[in-house]
Amino acid sequence: MHRRGFITILGGAAAAWPLAARAEKNGVRRVGVIMGFAENDEVWQAYLASFRQGLQELGWTDGRNIRFDYRFTGDSEERMRAMAEEVVGLAPDVILVSTNSVVSATLKATRSIPIVFTWVSDPVGSGFVANLPRPGGNITGFHNFEPAIGGKWLAFLKQIAPDLRRVAVVHVPEVVPNVAFLHVIEAAAPSLGLSVTAAEVRNAADIERVLSAFGQEGGGLIVTPSALTATQRDLIIALAARHRLPAIYSFAFYAESGGLMSYGVNQLELVRAAASYVDRILRGTSPGDLPVQLPLRYELVINLKTAAALGLAVPNSLQLLADGVIE
């Protein structure tokens, strides 16, 4: 796969402290970590390992000059609120968070402790930051998608499954960007000869019911990013296979888990970049002075085994566009 990076929106980010300034007045620094995923999920353990490695390369060693307080919420909104309050109560120097729902819960718990977010879409539209160049307040980070990405998901799905006539957009309606994705997809669908169904889900039972009902008449799926869809990806992928529904997802780990295809940012590079922001905040930079960064590129991953099981012949032109092909 090609290397992925981020583009920085021009702004007044303060310079990081020099290497010589690593000595800390108060000894070991404390970093809270709130992940909107299950603790036993190997994908997110790799995510956190990449984060720790990034900090270690910047001079922060767990147990020597830094410690981590981890909390995993799964897709439970109640647990997100509880874990946010618990971590804030520990008074960490900075908090790393993932998913829009966890960011929302953490901001309700503190407006003073610095927060760095990852795995977040449309932070301005979601009300997390005032603007991208100078977010202000106690929060900054790295975001995944602008709403326009919905049109790309739809176009790629139609390209791999040209006979499609209807598409369901699987989304959690309380996650603001998901509704924006839906509107973009609805606007783009007529030009591709597609009709769109808004498949609202809030828990695993909803996913089973909605996808099974949609699958009775057939079609394709666009699975938008959220803590729920990531946590329940095995269920979604299994239902898509059972009902023979071509589907596109937002991150490569879906395709690696058996999903048909994905188009999105490289999440490990995203969290390594987040480690650099945590480092800068620990050295004295205000989070409000660090611009929110946009992905520079996205990666397309196609699972040819899944395509064959669905009876789809993946065009060579699409394979050549792909950053990764799973055989």
Protein backbone atom coordinates (compact mmCIF):
# COMPACT_ATOMS: atom_id res chain seq x y z
CA MET A 1 0.00 0.00 0.00
CA HIS A 2 1.10 3.55 -0.64
CA ARG A 3 2.17 5.57 2.34
CA ARG A 4 -0.54 7.83 3.69
CA GLY A 5 -0.13 11.23 5.28
CA PHE A 6 -2.04 14.29 6.40
CA ILE A 7 -2.33 17.81 5.11
CA THR A 8 -2.09 20.58 7.68
CA ILE A 9 -4.53 23.47 7.43
CA LEU A 10 -2.38 26.61 7.70
CA GLY A 11 -2.61 28.16 11.10
CA GLY A 12 -0.65 29.43 14.08
CA ALA A 13 0.53 26.21 15.67
CA ALA A 14 3.13 26.90 18.34
CA ALA A 15 6.52 25.26 17.96
CA ALA A 16 7.24 22.12 19.95
CA TRP A 17 9.74 22.38 22.75
CA PRO A 18 13.33 21.43 21.90
CA LEU A 19 14.61 17.95 22.72
CA ALA A 20 16.62 19.28 25.63
CA ALA A 21 13.42 20.34 27.41
CA ARG A 22 12.28 16.80 28.15
CA ALA A 23 12.83 17.04 31.90
CA GLU A 24 9.41 17.35 33.54
CA LYS A 25 8.80 19.32 36.71
CA ASN A 26 6.36 16.81 38.11
CA GLY A 27 8.01 13.55 37.10
CA VAL A 28 5.92 11.04 35.17
CA ARG A 29 3.30 12.54 32.86
CA ARG A 30 -0.16 11.00 32.65
CA VAL A 31 -2.10 10.33 29.43
CA GLY A 32 -5.71 9.23 29.49
CA VAL A 33 -6.90 7.08 26.58
CA ILE A 34 -10.61 6.55 25.85
CA MET A 35 -11.34 4.22 22.94
CA GLY A 36 -14.83 3.73 21.56
CA PHE A 37 -14.12 0.05 20.93
CA ALA A 38 -13.84 -3.26 22.76
CA GLU A 39 -10.66 -3.89 24.75
CA ASN A 40 -10.14 -7.38 23.29
CA ASP A 41 -10.33 -6.17 19.68
CA GLU A 42 -6.97 -6.92 18.03
CA VAL A 43 -7.41 -4.04 15.57
CA TRP A 44 -7.51 -1.48 18.36
CA GLN A 45 -4.73 -3.10 20.34
CA ALA A 46 -2.56 -2.65 17.23
CA TYR A 47 -3.85 0.94 17.06
CA LEU A 48 -2.72 1.64 20.61
CA ALA A 49 0.59 -0.14 20.10
CA SER A 50 1.25 2.23 17.19
CA PHE A 51 0.37 5.19 19.42
CA ARG A 52 2.75 4.05 22.16
CA GLN A 53 5.51 3.40 19.63
CA GLY A 54 5.07 6.88 18.20
CA LEU A 55 5.45 8.42 21.65
CA GLN A 56 8.43 6.23 22.48
CA GLU A 57 10.21 7.46 19.37
CA LEU A 58 9.60 10.98 20.66
CA GLY A 59 11.22 10.16 24.00
CA TRP A 60 8.26 8.99 26.10
CA THR A 61 8.68 5.56 27.71
CA ASP A 62 5.83 3.90 29.59
CA GLY A 63 6.75 3.54 33.25
CA ARG A 64 9.71 5.91 33.04
CA ASN A 65 8.41 9.35 32.14
CA ILE A 66 4.84 8.61 31.07
CA ARG A 67 1.94 6.42 32.13
CA PHE A 68 -1.30 5.55 30.38
CA ASP A 69 -4.80 5.13 31.78
CA TYR A 70 -6.86 3.12 29.28
CA ARG A 71 -10.62 2.91 29.08
CA PHE A 72 -12.62 1.02 26.45
CA THR A 73 -16.27 1.82 25.96
CA GLY A 74 -17.44 -0.47 23.17
CA ASP A 75 -20.48 1.02 21.47
CA SER A 76 -22.28 1.92 24.72
CA GLU A 77 -23.13 5.62 24.96
CA GLU A 78 -23.69 5.23 28.71
CA ARG A 79 -20.26 3.69 29.17
CA MET A 80 -18.70 6.49 27.08
CA ARG A 81 -20.10 9.07 29.48
CA ALA A 82 -18.99 7.11 32.54
CA MET A 83 -15.49 6.46 31.23
CA ALA A 84 -15.04 10.09 30.22
CA GLU A 85 -15.94 11.26 33.72
CA GLU A 86 -13.68 8.61 35.25
CA VAL A 87 -10.65 9.55 33.16
CA VAL A 88 -11.20 13.28 33.75
CA GLY A 89 -11.29 12.52 37.47
CA LEU A 90 -7.75 11.12 37.20
CA ALA A 91 -6.55 14.59 36.09
CA PRO A 92 -4.32 13.46 33.20
CA ASP A 93 -2.09 15.90 31.34
CA VAL A 94 -3.81 15.07 28.04
CA ILE A 95 -6.51 12.69 26.82
CA LEU A 96 -6.46 10.74 23.54
CA VAL A 97 -9.97 9.90 22.33
CA SER A 98 -11.50 8.11 19.35
CA THR A 99 -14.91 8.34 17.62
CA ASN A 100 -17.35 11.24 17.51
CA SER A 101 -19.43 9.85 20.36
CA VAL A 102 -16.45 9.57 22.72
CA VAL A 103 -15.31 13.10 21.82
CA SER A 104 -18.77 14.42 22.64
CA ALA A 105 -18.82 12.63 26.00
CA THR A 106 -15.31 13.81 26.90
CA LEU A 107 -16.02 17.45 26.05
CA LYS A 108 -19.03 17.31 28.34
CA ALA A 109 -16.73 16.08 31.12
CA THR A 110 -13.96 18.67 30.68
CA ARG A 111 -13.29 21.95 28.92
CA SER A 112 -9.84 22.37 30.45
CA ILE A 113 -7.82 19.13 30.08
CA PRO A 114 -6.23 18.97 26.61
CA ILE A 115 -7.88 16.49 24.24
CA VAL A 116 -6.47 14.99 21.04
CA PHE A 117 -9.01 13.18 18.86
CA THR A 118 -8.67 10.56 16.16
CA TRP A 119 -11.19 8.54 14.16
CA VAL A 120 -13.52 11.55 13.99
CA SER A 121 -15.46 12.95 11.03
CA ASP A 122 -16.51 16.58 10.42
CA PRO A 123 -15.34 18.06 13.76
CA VAL A 124 -16.57 21.55 12.85
CA GLY A 125 -20.05 20.36 11.84
CA SER A 126 -20.15 18.23 14.98
CA GLY A 127 -19.43 21.29 17.13
CA PHE A 128 -16.13 20.03 18.53
CA VAL A 129 -13.93 22.85 17.20
CA ALA A 130 -14.56 26.39 16.02
CA ASN A 131 -12.53 25.93 12.84
CA LEU A 132 -9.74 23.75 11.49
CA PRO A 133 -6.75 26.15 11.42
CA ARG A 134 -7.21 27.32 15.01
CA PRO A 135 -9.60 25.01 16.83
CA GLY A 136 -9.40 26.99 20.08
CA GLY A 137 -10.38 25.65 23.47
CA ASN A 138 -8.90 22.43 24.81
CA ILE A 139 -9.21 20.17 21.77
CA THR A 140 -7.56 19.37 18.46
CA GLY A 141 -6.78 16.28 16.42
CA PHE A 142 -7.03 14.36 13.19
CA HIS A 143 -10.20 13.68 11.33
CA ASN A 144 -11.14 11.06 8.80
CA PHE A 145 -13.78 12.22 6.37
CA GLU A 146 -15.58 15.21 4.99
CA PRO A 147 -19.20 14.51 3.94
CA ALA A 148 -18.19 14.52 0.26
CA ILE A 149 -16.53 11.12 0.78
CA GLY A 150 -20.04 9.63 0.60
CA GLY A 151 -20.07 10.20 -3.16
CA LYS A 152 -16.81 8.28 -3.52
CA TRP A 153 -18.14 5.34 -1.52
CA LEU A 154 -21.19 5.20 -3.75
CA ALA A 155 -19.19 5.44 -6.98
CA PHE A 156 -16.78 2.68 -5.97
CA LEU A 157 -19.64 0.41 -4.92
CA LYS A 158 -21.39 0.91 -8.26
CA GLN A 159 -18.12 0.26 -10.08
CA ILE A 160 -17.54 -3.08 -8.41
CA ALA A 161 -21.22 -4.10 -8.63
CA PRO A 162 -22.57 -2.38 -11.78
CA ASP A 163 -25.94 -4.16 -11.65
CA LEU A 164 -26.89 -2.55 -8.34
CA ARG A 165 -30.15 -0.61 -8.29
CA ARG A 166 -30.58 0.10 -4.57
CA VAL A 167 -28.22 0.91 -1.72
CA ALA A 168 -28.72 1.04 2.04
CA VAL A 169 -26.64 3.52 4.04
CA VAL A 170 -25.99 1.86 7.40
CA HIS A 171 -25.56 4.64 9.95
CA VAL A 172 -26.08 5.75 13.51
CA PRO A 173 -28.28 8.87 13.14
CA GLU A 174 -27.07 10.47 16.38
CA VAL A 175 -23.56 10.71 14.90
CA VAL A 176 -23.81 14.04 13.05
CA PRO A 177 -21.45 13.24 10.14
CA ASN A 178 -23.35 10.04 9.34
CA VAL A 179 -26.41 12.09 8.44
CA ALA A 180 -24.23 14.34 6.28
CA PHE A 181 -22.82 11.26 4.50
CA LEU A 182 -26.38 10.08 3.87
CA HIS A 183 -27.41 13.39 2.30
CA VAL A 184 -24.41 13.39 -0.04
CA ILE A 185 -25.11 9.80 -1.08
CA GLU A 186 -28.79 10.57 -1.68
CA ALA A 187 -27.84 13.52 -3.89
CA ALA A 188 -25.36 11.46 -5.93
CA ALA A 189 -27.48 8.32 -6.33
CA PRO A 190 -29.81 9.35 -9.21
CA SER A 191 -26.90 9.98 -11.59
CA LEU A 192 -25.79 6.38 -11.01
CA GLY A 193 -29.27 4.92 -11.41
CA LEU A 194 -29.54 4.07 -7.72
CA SER A 195 -32.15 4.49 -5.02
CA VAL A 196 -31.06 4.98 -1.41
CA THR A 197 -32.46 3.58 1.83
CA ALA A 198 -31.52 5.17 5.15
CA ALA A 199 -30.70 2.16 7.35
CA GLU A 200 -30.65 3.58 10.88
CA VAL A 201 -29.05 1.39 13.55
CA ARG A 202 -28.32 1.92 17.23
CA ASN A 203 -27.38 -1.55 18.45
CA ALA A 204 -26.60 -5.07 17.25
CA ALA A 205 -30.29 -6.03 17.21
CA ASP A 206 -31.02 -3.14 14.86
CA ILE A 207 -28.22 -4.24 12.55
CA GLU A 208 -29.58 -7.79 12.35
CA ARG A 209 -33.15 -6.63 11.76
CA VAL A 210 -32.42 -3.84 9.27
CA LEU A 211 -29.91 -5.74 7.12
CA SER A 212 -32.02 -8.89 7.07
CA ALA A 213 -35.06 -6.92 5.93
CA PHE A 214 -33.07 -5.05 3.28
CA GLY A 215 -31.49 -8.27 2.13
CA GLN A 216 -34.88 -9.76 1.22
CA GLU A 217 -34.95 -7.61 -1.92
CA GLY A 218 -31.19 -7.34 -2.45
CA GLY A 219 -28.94 -4.37 -3.06
CA GLY A 220 -25.68 -2.95 -1.75
CA LEU A 221 -24.48 -1.44 1.50
CA ILE A 222 -22.49 1.63 2.47
CA VAL A 223 -21.41 1.18 6.09
CA THR A 224 -20.54 4.53 7.63
CA PRO A 225 -17.92 4.88 10.39
CA SER A 226 -18.98 4.77 14.03
CA ALA A 227 -18.13 2.95 17.23
CA LEU A 228 -21.14 0.70 16.64
CA THR A 229 -20.32 -0.35 13.08
CA ALA A 230 -16.66 -0.94 13.97
CA THR A 231 -17.48 -2.96 17.07
CA GLN A 232 -20.14 -4.98 15.22
CA ARG A 233 -18.16 -5.39 11.99
CA ASP A 234 -18.13 -9.21 12.15
CA LEU A 235 -21.93 -9.23 12.39
CA ILE A 236 -22.30 -6.75 9.51
CA ILE A 237 -19.87 -8.64 7.29
CA ALA A 238 -21.61 -11.95 8.07
CA LEU A 239 -25.04 -10.51 7.25
CA ALA A 240 -23.73 -8.99 4.02
CA ALA A 241 -22.37 -12.41 3.02
CA ARG A 242 -25.55 -14.25 4.02
CA HIS A 243 -27.79 -11.93 2.01
CA ARG A 244 -25.25 -11.49 -0.81
CA LEU A 245 -25.05 -7.73 -0.37
CA PRO A 246 -22.00 -6.01 -1.90
CA ALA A 247 -20.72 -3.53 0.68
CA ILE A 248 -18.17 -0.77 1.01
CA TYR A 249 -16.69 0.22 4.36
CA SER A 250 -14.65 3.12 5.70
CA PHE A 251 -11.43 1.43 6.85
CA ALA A 252 -9.14 -1.35 5.63
CA PHE A 253 -9.73 -3.55 8.66
CA TYR A 254 -13.25 -4.22 7.38
CA ALA A 255 -11.91 -5.62 4.10
CA GLU A 256 -9.24 -7.52 6.01
CA SER A 257 -12.02 -9.07 8.12
CA GLY A 258 -13.90 -10.28 5.03
CA GLY A 259 -15.74 -7.20 3.83
CA LEU A 260 -15.87 -6.64 0.08
CA MET A 261 -14.04 -3.31 -0.11
CA SER A 262 -13.03 -0.26 1.88
CA TYR A 263 -12.05 3.31 1.15
CA GLY A 264 -10.63 5.45 3.90
CA VAL A 265 -7.63 6.83 5.74
CA ASN A 266 -4.86 4.58 7.07
CA GLN A 267 -5.77 4.45 10.75
CA LEU A 268 -2.32 3.44 12.01
CA GLU A 269 -0.71 6.45 10.38
CA LEU A 270 -3.47 8.59 11.83
CA VAL A 271 -2.72 7.51 15.40
CA ARG A 272 1.03 7.89 14.91
CA ALA A 273 0.36 11.48 13.88
CA ALA A 274 -1.81 11.89 16.98
CA ALA A 275 1.17 10.79 19.09
CA SER A 276 3.11 13.78 17.75
CA TYR A 277 0.35 16.12 18.93
CA VAL A 278 0.26 14.50 22.38
CA ASP A 279 4.03 14.99 22.54
CA ARG A 280 3.73 18.67 21.66
CA ILE A 281 1.01 19.25 24.24
CA LEU A 282 3.07 17.51 26.94
CA ARG A 283 5.88 19.91 26.06
CA GLY A 284 3.68 22.97 26.54
CA THR A 285 1.85 23.67 23.28
CA SER A 286 -1.80 24.64 23.68
CA PRO A 287 -4.16 22.24 21.85
CA GLY A 288 -6.14 25.21 20.60
CA ASP A 289 -3.07 26.38 18.67
CA LEU A 290 -2.56 23.06 16.89
CA PRO A 291 -4.55 22.92 13.64
CA VAL A 292 -6.92 20.04 13.06
CA GLN A 293 -5.39 17.99 10.28
CA LEU A 294 -7.08 16.49 7.24
CA PRO A 295 -6.12 13.26 5.51
CA LEU A 296 -4.00 13.88 2.46
CA ARG A 297 -4.84 10.57 0.79
CA TYR A 298 -7.13 7.62 1.20
CA GLU A 299 -6.60 3.94 0.49
CA LEU A 300 -8.82 1.61 -1.49
CA VAL A 301 -8.70 -2.05 -0.44
CA ILE A 302 -10.54 -4.84 -2.28
CA ASN A 303 -11.13 -8.38 -1.04
CA LEU A 304 -11.13 -10.55 -4.17
CA LYS A 305 -12.14 -13.66 -2.24
CA THR A 306 -15.31 -11.93 -1.04
CA ALA A 307 -15.96 -10.58 -4.52
CA ALA A 308 -15.76 -14.10 -5.96
CA ALA A 309 -18.16 -15.40 -3.30
CA LEU A 310 -20.63 -12.71 -4.36
CA GLY A 311 -20.17 -13.57 -8.04
CA LEU A 312 -18.54 -10.22 -8.81
CA ALA A 313 -15.79 -9.86 -11.41
CA VAL A 314 -13.64 -6.97 -10.20
CA PRO A 315 -12.56 -4.86 -13.21
CA ASN A 316 -8.83 -4.65 -13.81
CA SER A 317 -9.14 -0.88 -13.85
CA LEU A 318 -10.47 -0.95 -10.28
CA GLN A 319 -7.78 -3.38 -9.13
CA LEU A 320 -5.14 -1.06 -10.53
CA LEU A 321 -6.59 1.81 -8.50
CA ALA A 322 -6.49 -0.22 -5.31
CA ASP A 323 -3.80 0.33 -2.70
CA GLY A 324 -4.37 -3.18 -1.41
CA VAL A 325 -5.84 -6.35 -2.92
CA ILE A 326 -6.68 -9.31 -0.67
CA GLU A 327 -6.67 -12.64 -2.52
